[in-house]
N, C-alpha and C. Protein backbone atom coordinates (compact mmCIF):
# COMPACT_ATOMS: atom_id res chain seq x y z
N UNK A 1 15.34 -32.06 3.74
CA UNK A 1 14.08 -32.33 3.08
C UNK A 1 14.34 -32.35 1.57
N UNK A 2 13.90 -33.39 0.91
CA UNK A 2 14.07 -33.45 -0.55
C UNK A 2 13.36 -32.27 -1.23
N UNK A 3 13.89 -31.92 -2.38
CA UNK A 3 13.42 -30.74 -3.12
C UNK A 3 11.92 -30.81 -3.42
N UNK A 4 11.41 -31.97 -3.81
CA UNK A 4 10.00 -32.09 -4.18
C UNK A 4 9.09 -31.77 -2.99
N UNK A 5 9.40 -32.31 -1.81
CA UNK A 5 8.58 -32.04 -0.62
C UNK A 5 8.67 -30.57 -0.23
N UNK A 6 9.84 -29.99 -0.40
CA UNK A 6 10.01 -28.58 -0.08
C UNK A 6 9.14 -27.72 -0.98
N UNK A 7 9.13 -28.02 -2.27
CA UNK A 7 8.30 -27.26 -3.22
C UNK A 7 6.82 -27.43 -2.92
N UNK A 8 6.40 -28.63 -2.59
CA UNK A 8 4.99 -28.87 -2.26
C UNK A 8 4.62 -28.08 -1.00
N UNK A 9 5.49 -28.09 -0.01
CA UNK A 9 5.25 -27.32 1.21
C UNK A 9 5.14 -25.83 0.93
N UNK A 10 6.02 -25.34 0.07
CA UNK A 10 5.98 -23.93 -0.30
C UNK A 10 4.68 -23.59 -1.02
N UNK A 11 4.25 -24.44 -1.94
CA UNK A 11 3.00 -24.20 -2.67
C UNK A 11 1.81 -24.19 -1.71
N UNK A 12 1.77 -25.10 -0.76
CA UNK A 12 0.68 -25.13 0.21
C UNK A 12 0.68 -23.84 1.04
N UNK A 13 1.86 -23.41 1.46
CA UNK A 13 1.98 -22.18 2.23
C UNK A 13 1.46 -20.98 1.43
N UNK A 14 1.84 -20.88 0.17
CA UNK A 14 1.41 -19.76 -0.68
C UNK A 14 -0.10 -19.81 -0.88
N UNK A 15 -0.66 -20.98 -1.13
CA UNK A 15 -2.10 -21.11 -1.34
C UNK A 15 -2.86 -20.73 -0.07
N UNK A 16 -2.41 -21.23 1.07
CA UNK A 16 -3.08 -20.89 2.33
C UNK A 16 -2.98 -19.39 2.61
N UNK A 17 -1.82 -18.80 2.30
CA UNK A 17 -1.66 -17.36 2.49
C UNK A 17 -2.60 -16.58 1.60
N UNK A 18 -2.75 -17.00 0.36
CA UNK A 18 -3.64 -16.30 -0.57
C UNK A 18 -5.09 -16.42 -0.13
N UNK A 19 -5.48 -17.62 0.30
CA UNK A 19 -6.85 -17.84 0.76
C UNK A 19 -7.14 -16.99 1.99
N UNK A 20 -6.22 -16.98 2.95
CA UNK A 20 -6.46 -16.18 4.16
C UNK A 20 -6.47 -14.70 3.81
N UNK A 21 -5.66 -14.26 2.85
CA UNK A 21 -5.64 -12.87 2.42
C UNK A 21 -7.01 -12.48 1.88
N UNK A 22 -7.59 -13.35 1.04
CA UNK A 22 -8.90 -13.06 0.45
C UNK A 22 -9.96 -12.98 1.54
N UNK A 23 -9.91 -13.86 2.51
CA UNK A 23 -10.90 -13.86 3.58
C UNK A 23 -10.72 -12.69 4.54
N UNK A 24 -9.49 -12.29 4.82
CA UNK A 24 -9.23 -11.28 5.84
C UNK A 24 -9.22 -9.86 5.31
N UNK A 25 -8.89 -9.67 4.05
CA UNK A 25 -8.80 -8.32 3.48
C UNK A 25 -10.19 -7.70 3.44
N UNK A 26 -10.28 -6.39 3.67
CA UNK A 26 -11.57 -5.72 3.56
C UNK A 26 -12.12 -5.90 2.15
N UNK A 27 -13.35 -6.38 2.00
CA UNK A 27 -13.90 -6.59 0.66
C UNK A 27 -14.17 -5.26 -0.04
N UNK A 28 -14.13 -5.27 -1.38
CA UNK A 28 -14.42 -4.05 -2.13
C UNK A 28 -15.78 -3.48 -1.71
N UNK A 29 -15.84 -2.17 -1.58
CA UNK A 29 -17.07 -1.50 -1.19
C UNK A 29 -17.24 -1.35 0.31
N UNK A 30 -16.46 -2.07 1.09
CA UNK A 30 -16.53 -1.96 2.55
C UNK A 30 -15.71 -0.76 3.01
N UNK A 31 -16.10 -0.17 4.14
CA UNK A 31 -15.29 0.94 4.66
C UNK A 31 -13.86 0.48 4.97
N UNK A 32 -12.91 1.34 4.70
CA UNK A 32 -11.52 1.06 5.04
C UNK A 32 -11.40 1.00 6.56
N UNK A 33 -10.45 0.24 7.07
CA UNK A 33 -10.30 0.15 8.53
C UNK A 33 -9.96 1.51 9.15
N UNK A 34 -10.39 1.67 10.39
CA UNK A 34 -10.08 2.89 11.14
C UNK A 34 -8.67 2.74 11.70
N UNK A 35 -7.71 3.32 10.99
CA UNK A 35 -6.31 3.19 11.40
C UNK A 35 -5.67 4.56 11.49
N UNK A 36 -4.53 4.58 12.15
CA UNK A 36 -3.74 5.80 12.26
C UNK A 36 -2.34 5.48 11.74
N UNK A 37 -1.86 6.33 10.86
CA UNK A 37 -0.51 6.19 10.31
C UNK A 37 0.47 6.95 11.20
N UNK A 38 1.57 6.31 11.56
CA UNK A 38 2.68 6.98 12.22
C UNK A 38 3.69 7.30 11.11
N UNK A 39 3.70 8.55 10.70
CA UNK A 39 4.52 8.95 9.57
C UNK A 39 5.99 9.02 9.93
N UNK A 40 6.80 8.84 8.92
CA UNK A 40 8.25 8.90 9.09
C UNK A 40 8.71 10.26 9.62
N UNK A 41 7.93 11.29 9.32
CA UNK A 41 8.28 12.64 9.78
C UNK A 41 7.81 12.91 11.21
N UNK A 42 7.23 11.90 11.88
CA UNK A 42 6.81 12.04 13.27
C UNK A 42 5.34 12.38 13.46
N UNK A 43 4.65 12.74 12.40
CA UNK A 43 3.23 13.08 12.51
C UNK A 43 2.38 11.81 12.58
N UNK A 44 1.21 11.95 13.17
CA UNK A 44 0.20 10.88 13.15
C UNK A 44 -0.95 11.36 12.28
N UNK A 45 -1.40 10.49 11.38
CA UNK A 45 -2.49 10.84 10.47
C UNK A 45 -3.52 9.72 10.50
N UNK A 46 -4.75 10.07 10.81
CA UNK A 46 -5.83 9.09 10.78
C UNK A 46 -6.30 8.94 9.33
N UNK A 47 -6.50 7.69 8.91
CA UNK A 47 -6.97 7.44 7.55
C UNK A 47 -8.30 8.17 7.32
N UNK A 48 -9.15 8.21 8.32
CA UNK A 48 -10.45 8.88 8.19
C UNK A 48 -10.30 10.36 7.87
N UNK A 49 -9.19 10.96 8.27
CA UNK A 49 -8.99 12.39 7.99
C UNK A 49 -8.74 12.66 6.51
N UNK A 50 -8.46 11.63 5.75
CA UNK A 50 -8.21 11.77 4.31
C UNK A 50 -9.48 11.57 3.49
N UNK A 51 -10.60 11.31 4.18
CA UNK A 51 -11.88 11.12 3.49
C UNK A 51 -12.19 12.36 2.68
N UNK A 52 -12.76 12.15 1.50
CA UNK A 52 -13.04 13.25 0.58
C UNK A 52 -12.10 13.22 -0.61
N UNK A 53 -11.02 12.43 -0.48
CA UNK A 53 -10.06 12.27 -1.57
C UNK A 53 -9.65 10.80 -1.62
N UNK A 54 -9.30 10.30 -2.80
CA UNK A 54 -8.84 8.90 -2.87
C UNK A 54 -7.49 8.72 -2.20
N UNK A 55 -7.28 7.51 -1.69
CA UNK A 55 -6.03 7.16 -1.01
C UNK A 55 -5.49 5.89 -1.64
N UNK A 56 -4.21 5.91 -1.96
CA UNK A 56 -3.52 4.72 -2.44
C UNK A 56 -2.49 4.37 -1.38
N UNK A 57 -2.61 3.17 -0.83
CA UNK A 57 -1.68 2.70 0.19
C UNK A 57 -0.87 1.57 -0.41
N UNK A 58 0.45 1.67 -0.30
CA UNK A 58 1.28 0.55 -0.76
C UNK A 58 2.16 0.07 0.38
N UNK A 59 1.97 -1.21 0.74
CA UNK A 59 2.84 -1.86 1.71
C UNK A 59 4.10 -2.29 0.98
N UNK A 60 5.26 -1.95 1.54
CA UNK A 60 6.52 -2.25 0.88
C UNK A 60 7.59 -2.56 1.91
N UNK A 61 8.71 -3.07 1.42
CA UNK A 61 9.85 -3.38 2.28
C UNK A 61 11.13 -2.98 1.55
N UNK A 62 12.14 -2.63 2.33
CA UNK A 62 13.40 -2.19 1.73
C UNK A 62 14.10 -3.31 0.97
N UNK A 63 13.83 -4.56 1.32
CA UNK A 63 14.47 -5.69 0.64
C UNK A 63 13.60 -6.29 -0.46
N UNK A 64 12.51 -5.64 -0.79
CA UNK A 64 11.60 -6.10 -1.84
C UNK A 64 12.00 -5.41 -3.15
N UNK A 65 12.61 -6.17 -4.04
CA UNK A 65 13.09 -5.58 -5.30
C UNK A 65 11.95 -5.04 -6.15
N UNK A 66 10.80 -5.71 -6.13
CA UNK A 66 9.64 -5.23 -6.89
C UNK A 66 9.17 -3.90 -6.33
N UNK A 67 9.13 -3.79 -5.00
CA UNK A 67 8.71 -2.54 -4.35
C UNK A 67 9.62 -1.39 -4.77
N UNK A 68 10.91 -1.62 -4.70
CA UNK A 68 11.89 -0.58 -5.02
C UNK A 68 11.79 -0.22 -6.51
N UNK A 69 11.56 -1.22 -7.36
CA UNK A 69 11.47 -0.95 -8.80
C UNK A 69 10.23 -0.13 -9.15
N UNK A 70 9.17 -0.21 -8.33
CA UNK A 70 7.96 0.55 -8.60
C UNK A 70 8.01 1.99 -8.06
N UNK A 71 8.99 2.29 -7.25
CA UNK A 71 9.06 3.62 -6.64
C UNK A 71 9.10 4.77 -7.64
N UNK A 72 9.85 4.68 -8.73
CA UNK A 72 9.80 5.78 -9.71
C UNK A 72 8.40 5.98 -10.30
N UNK A 73 7.68 4.89 -10.54
CA UNK A 73 6.31 5.00 -11.06
C UNK A 73 5.38 5.61 -10.01
N UNK A 74 5.56 5.24 -8.75
CA UNK A 74 4.76 5.83 -7.68
C UNK A 74 5.07 7.32 -7.54
N UNK A 75 6.34 7.68 -7.68
CA UNK A 75 6.71 9.10 -7.62
C UNK A 75 6.04 9.87 -8.76
N UNK A 76 6.05 9.29 -9.94
CA UNK A 76 5.42 9.94 -11.10
C UNK A 76 3.91 10.08 -10.87
N UNK A 77 3.28 9.04 -10.34
CA UNK A 77 1.85 9.08 -10.04
C UNK A 77 1.56 10.18 -9.00
N UNK A 78 2.39 10.24 -7.99
CA UNK A 78 2.23 11.27 -6.95
C UNK A 78 2.34 12.67 -7.58
N UNK A 79 3.37 12.89 -8.39
CA UNK A 79 3.56 14.20 -9.01
C UNK A 79 2.39 14.55 -9.93
N UNK A 80 1.84 13.56 -10.63
CA UNK A 80 0.76 13.81 -11.57
C UNK A 80 -0.58 14.08 -10.90
N UNK A 81 -0.86 13.41 -9.77
CA UNK A 81 -2.22 13.46 -9.22
C UNK A 81 -2.35 14.01 -7.80
N UNK A 82 -1.25 14.27 -7.13
CA UNK A 82 -1.35 14.76 -5.75
C UNK A 82 -2.10 16.09 -5.68
N UNK A 83 -1.78 17.02 -6.57
CA UNK A 83 -2.44 18.33 -6.56
C UNK A 83 -3.93 18.21 -6.85
N UNK A 84 -4.33 17.12 -7.53
CA UNK A 84 -5.75 16.89 -7.84
C UNK A 84 -6.48 16.18 -6.71
N UNK A 85 -5.74 15.72 -5.70
CA UNK A 85 -6.41 15.12 -4.55
C UNK A 85 -5.96 13.73 -4.15
N UNK A 86 -5.06 13.12 -4.89
CA UNK A 86 -4.61 11.77 -4.52
C UNK A 86 -3.71 11.84 -3.28
N UNK A 87 -4.00 10.99 -2.32
CA UNK A 87 -3.13 10.80 -1.16
C UNK A 87 -2.43 9.47 -1.33
N UNK A 88 -1.14 9.48 -1.44
CA UNK A 88 -0.35 8.26 -1.61
C UNK A 88 0.45 8.05 -0.33
N UNK A 89 0.29 6.86 0.26
CA UNK A 89 0.99 6.54 1.50
C UNK A 89 1.73 5.23 1.31
N UNK A 90 3.04 5.26 1.45
CA UNK A 90 3.84 4.05 1.46
C UNK A 90 3.96 3.58 2.89
N UNK A 91 3.62 2.32 3.13
CA UNK A 91 3.69 1.77 4.48
C UNK A 91 4.84 0.78 4.54
N UNK A 92 5.88 1.15 5.29
CA UNK A 92 7.03 0.26 5.47
C UNK A 92 6.63 -0.86 6.44
N UNK A 93 6.93 -2.07 6.05
CA UNK A 93 6.55 -3.23 6.86
C UNK A 93 7.19 -3.17 8.24
N UNK A 94 6.54 -3.75 9.21
CA UNK A 94 6.97 -3.69 10.61
C UNK A 94 8.37 -4.26 10.84
N UNK A 95 8.76 -5.23 10.02
CA UNK A 95 10.07 -5.87 10.22
C UNK A 95 11.23 -5.05 9.66
N UNK A 96 10.92 -3.98 8.96
CA UNK A 96 11.97 -3.12 8.40
C UNK A 96 12.46 -2.14 9.46
N UNK A 97 13.75 -2.14 9.77
CA UNK A 97 14.27 -1.18 10.75
C UNK A 97 14.10 0.26 10.25
N UNK A 98 13.71 1.14 11.15
CA UNK A 98 13.44 2.53 10.78
C UNK A 98 14.63 3.19 10.08
N UNK A 99 15.84 2.92 10.53
CA UNK A 99 17.00 3.57 9.89
C UNK A 99 17.16 3.11 8.44
N UNK A 100 16.86 1.85 8.15
CA UNK A 100 16.92 1.37 6.76
C UNK A 100 15.86 2.03 5.91
N UNK A 101 14.67 2.18 6.48
CA UNK A 101 13.58 2.85 5.76
C UNK A 101 13.98 4.29 5.46
N UNK A 102 14.49 4.98 6.46
CA UNK A 102 14.91 6.38 6.27
C UNK A 102 15.98 6.52 5.19
N UNK A 103 16.96 5.61 5.21
CA UNK A 103 18.03 5.68 4.20
C UNK A 103 17.49 5.47 2.80
N UNK A 104 16.59 4.49 2.63
CA UNK A 104 16.04 4.24 1.30
C UNK A 104 15.17 5.41 0.83
N UNK A 105 14.34 5.94 1.71
CA UNK A 105 13.49 7.08 1.36
C UNK A 105 14.35 8.27 0.94
N UNK A 106 15.43 8.52 1.67
CA UNK A 106 16.32 9.63 1.33
C UNK A 106 17.05 9.37 0.01
N UNK A 107 17.55 8.14 -0.16
CA UNK A 107 18.29 7.81 -1.38
C UNK A 107 17.41 7.92 -2.62
N UNK A 108 16.16 7.49 -2.49
CA UNK A 108 15.23 7.53 -3.63
C UNK A 108 14.55 8.90 -3.78
N UNK A 109 14.61 9.72 -2.73
CA UNK A 109 13.95 11.02 -2.78
C UNK A 109 12.44 10.91 -2.87
N UNK A 110 11.86 10.01 -2.10
CA UNK A 110 10.42 9.78 -2.19
C UNK A 110 9.64 11.00 -1.70
N UNK A 111 8.79 11.57 -2.57
CA UNK A 111 8.06 12.78 -2.21
C UNK A 111 6.73 12.52 -1.51
N UNK A 112 6.27 11.29 -1.52
CA UNK A 112 4.98 10.97 -0.92
C UNK A 112 5.16 10.51 0.52
N UNK A 113 4.04 10.48 1.25
CA UNK A 113 4.06 10.15 2.68
C UNK A 113 4.50 8.71 2.91
N UNK A 114 5.34 8.53 3.93
CA UNK A 114 5.80 7.20 4.32
C UNK A 114 5.42 6.98 5.77
N UNK A 115 4.77 5.84 6.02
CA UNK A 115 4.37 5.47 7.38
C UNK A 115 5.17 4.26 7.83
N UNK A 116 5.45 4.22 9.11
CA UNK A 116 6.10 3.06 9.72
C UNK A 116 5.00 2.21 10.36
N UNK A 117 4.98 0.93 10.05
CA UNK A 117 3.94 0.06 10.59
C UNK A 117 4.43 -0.60 11.87
N UNK A 118 4.60 0.20 12.90
CA UNK A 118 5.09 -0.31 14.18
C UNK A 118 4.13 -1.35 14.74
N UNK A 119 4.65 -2.54 14.98
CA UNK A 119 3.83 -3.62 15.51
C UNK A 119 2.95 -4.31 14.49
N UNK A 120 2.99 -3.87 13.23
CA UNK A 120 2.19 -4.52 12.19
C UNK A 120 0.70 -4.23 12.26
N UNK A 121 0.33 -3.17 12.96
CA UNK A 121 -1.08 -2.83 13.17
C UNK A 121 -1.78 -2.51 11.84
N UNK A 122 -1.12 -1.77 10.97
CA UNK A 122 -1.73 -1.38 9.70
C UNK A 122 -1.88 -2.61 8.80
N UNK A 123 -0.83 -3.41 8.71
CA UNK A 123 -0.90 -4.63 7.90
C UNK A 123 -2.01 -5.55 8.40
N UNK A 124 -2.15 -5.68 9.70
CA UNK A 124 -3.21 -6.52 10.27
C UNK A 124 -4.59 -5.99 9.90
N UNK A 125 -4.75 -4.67 9.94
CA UNK A 125 -6.05 -4.06 9.64
C UNK A 125 -6.49 -4.29 8.20
N UNK A 126 -5.52 -4.49 7.31
CA UNK A 126 -5.83 -4.73 5.91
C UNK A 126 -5.71 -6.20 5.53
N UNK A 127 -6.05 -7.08 6.44
CA UNK A 127 -6.11 -8.50 6.12
C UNK A 127 -4.83 -9.24 6.39
N UNK A 128 -4.05 -8.77 7.37
CA UNK A 128 -2.82 -9.46 7.74
C UNK A 128 -1.83 -9.50 6.56
N UNK A 129 -1.57 -8.35 5.98
CA UNK A 129 -0.67 -8.23 4.83
C UNK A 129 0.71 -8.76 5.22
N UNK A 130 1.23 -9.68 4.42
CA UNK A 130 2.57 -10.23 4.64
C UNK A 130 3.41 -10.22 3.38
N UNK A 131 2.76 -10.03 2.22
CA UNK A 131 3.46 -10.07 0.94
C UNK A 131 3.59 -8.64 0.41
N UNK A 132 4.78 -8.30 -0.05
CA UNK A 132 5.01 -6.98 -0.63
C UNK A 132 5.41 -7.12 -2.09
N UNK A 133 4.99 -6.17 -2.91
CA UNK A 133 4.10 -5.08 -2.57
C UNK A 133 2.64 -5.52 -2.53
N UNK A 134 1.91 -4.97 -1.59
CA UNK A 134 0.45 -5.08 -1.55
C UNK A 134 -0.07 -3.65 -1.60
N UNK A 135 -1.01 -3.42 -2.50
CA UNK A 135 -1.52 -2.07 -2.73
C UNK A 135 -3.02 -2.05 -2.50
N UNK A 136 -3.50 -0.99 -1.85
CA UNK A 136 -4.92 -0.82 -1.55
C UNK A 136 -5.35 0.53 -2.11
N UNK A 137 -6.46 0.52 -2.85
CA UNK A 137 -7.05 1.77 -3.35
C UNK A 137 -8.34 2.01 -2.59
N UNK A 138 -8.45 3.22 -2.04
CA UNK A 138 -9.62 3.62 -1.25
C UNK A 138 -10.24 4.84 -1.93
N UNK A 139 -11.57 4.82 -2.08
CA UNK A 139 -12.22 5.95 -2.76
C UNK A 139 -12.42 7.13 -1.81
N UNK A 140 -12.97 8.22 -2.33
CA UNK A 140 -13.12 9.45 -1.56
C UNK A 140 -14.12 9.30 -0.40
N UNK A 141 -14.98 8.29 -0.48
CA UNK A 141 -15.93 8.03 0.61
C UNK A 141 -15.34 7.14 1.68
N UNK A 142 -14.08 6.74 1.50
CA UNK A 142 -13.43 5.90 2.49
C UNK A 142 -13.71 4.42 2.35
N UNK A 143 -14.16 3.99 1.16
CA UNK A 143 -14.44 2.57 0.90
C UNK A 143 -13.30 1.94 0.12
N UNK A 144 -13.02 0.69 0.43
CA UNK A 144 -11.99 -0.05 -0.30
C UNK A 144 -12.49 -0.33 -1.71
N UNK A 145 -11.72 0.10 -2.70
CA UNK A 145 -12.04 -0.16 -4.11
C UNK A 145 -11.48 -1.53 -4.48
N UNK A 146 -10.20 -1.75 -4.15
CA UNK A 146 -9.55 -3.05 -4.37
C UNK A 146 -8.28 -3.13 -3.55
N UNK A 147 -7.80 -4.37 -3.43
CA UNK A 147 -6.52 -4.65 -2.77
C UNK A 147 -5.82 -5.68 -3.63
N UNK A 148 -4.57 -5.38 -4.03
CA UNK A 148 -3.83 -6.24 -4.96
C UNK A 148 -2.43 -6.54 -4.44
N UNK A 149 -1.95 -7.71 -4.81
CA UNK A 149 -0.59 -8.11 -4.50
C UNK A 149 0.21 -8.10 -5.79
N UNK A 150 1.43 -7.58 -5.74
CA UNK A 150 2.33 -7.65 -6.88
C UNK A 150 2.41 -6.38 -7.69
N UNK A 151 3.01 -6.52 -8.85
CA UNK A 151 3.23 -5.39 -9.76
C UNK A 151 1.93 -4.72 -10.17
N UNK A 152 2.01 -3.43 -10.34
CA UNK A 152 0.85 -2.65 -10.76
C UNK A 152 0.98 -2.26 -12.22
N UNK A 153 -0.15 -2.11 -12.89
CA UNK A 153 -0.21 -1.54 -14.22
C UNK A 153 -0.47 -0.05 -14.00
N UNK A 154 0.58 0.77 -14.11
CA UNK A 154 0.46 2.18 -13.73
C UNK A 154 -0.40 3.00 -14.68
N UNK A 155 -0.47 2.64 -15.95
CA UNK A 155 -1.38 3.35 -16.86
C UNK A 155 -2.83 3.13 -16.42
N UNK A 156 -3.16 1.88 -16.14
CA UNK A 156 -4.52 1.55 -15.68
C UNK A 156 -4.79 2.20 -14.32
N UNK A 157 -3.82 2.14 -13.42
CA UNK A 157 -3.98 2.73 -12.09
C UNK A 157 -4.24 4.23 -12.19
N UNK A 158 -3.52 4.91 -13.06
CA UNK A 158 -3.70 6.35 -13.27
C UNK A 158 -5.15 6.62 -13.68
N UNK A 159 -5.67 5.83 -14.60
CA UNK A 159 -7.05 5.99 -15.06
C UNK A 159 -8.04 5.74 -13.93
N UNK A 160 -7.82 4.67 -13.16
CA UNK A 160 -8.72 4.34 -12.06
C UNK A 160 -8.76 5.45 -11.01
N UNK A 161 -7.60 5.99 -10.69
CA UNK A 161 -7.55 7.06 -9.69
C UNK A 161 -8.19 8.32 -10.23
N UNK A 162 -7.94 8.65 -11.49
CA UNK A 162 -8.54 9.84 -12.10
C UNK A 162 -10.06 9.79 -12.01
N UNK A 163 -10.63 8.61 -12.19
CA UNK A 163 -12.09 8.45 -12.09
C UNK A 163 -12.59 8.70 -10.67
N UNK A 164 -11.72 8.50 -9.67
CA UNK A 164 -12.12 8.67 -8.26
C UNK A 164 -11.92 10.09 -7.74
N UNK A 165 -11.21 10.92 -8.51
CA UNK A 165 -10.92 12.28 -8.04
C UNK A 165 -12.17 13.13 -8.03
N UNK A 166 -12.24 14.10 -7.11
CA UNK A 166 -13.38 15.01 -7.11
C UNK A 166 -13.51 15.69 -8.47
N UNK A 167 -14.72 15.85 -8.93
CA UNK A 167 -15.02 16.40 -10.26
C UNK A 167 -14.31 17.72 -10.52
N UNK A 168 -14.37 18.64 -9.57
CA UNK A 168 -13.79 19.97 -9.80
C UNK A 168 -12.29 19.92 -9.98
N UNK A 169 -11.64 18.87 -9.48
CA UNK A 169 -10.19 18.77 -9.59
C UNK A 169 -9.74 17.98 -10.80
N UNK A 170 -10.52 16.97 -11.20
CA UNK A 170 -10.09 16.11 -12.31
C UNK A 170 -10.46 16.67 -13.66
N UNK A 171 -11.19 17.77 -13.69
CA UNK A 171 -11.62 18.35 -14.96
C UNK A 171 -10.50 19.09 -15.65
């Protein structure tokens, strides 16, 4: 296939993916999907059980250079706000082999919760997530605040999460 047709095909694919993401993702203000995380440590955690505190979910993959480059910032965010009530969950994409996920988590020393998306159930619940990193912010009432694809502005994110923390903890 000539290069021009290939690029046009790729652009159409990206546009269709973005449009379907917008239509399928839970809209801001809507309740987050009722899902259960299968954690890397073997525990199962229902998203609803985290209600009362904000939740930041980041879909990532071991071969996603942007995802890996954001891990130190996510670790810093976790260290800064976890004691105040932030729940940070990294969701490894379904296509990532568990042993690769475990090796990367150990090598990076990730202190926050890591879930395995077996069968892609979690990604499907959040609008058929296929692009990494995709990040979802959920407020303490369990409503989707926003869902974003790509690099995060961590200074802005820190401020947004601080505003969502319970008053007695963020003071």
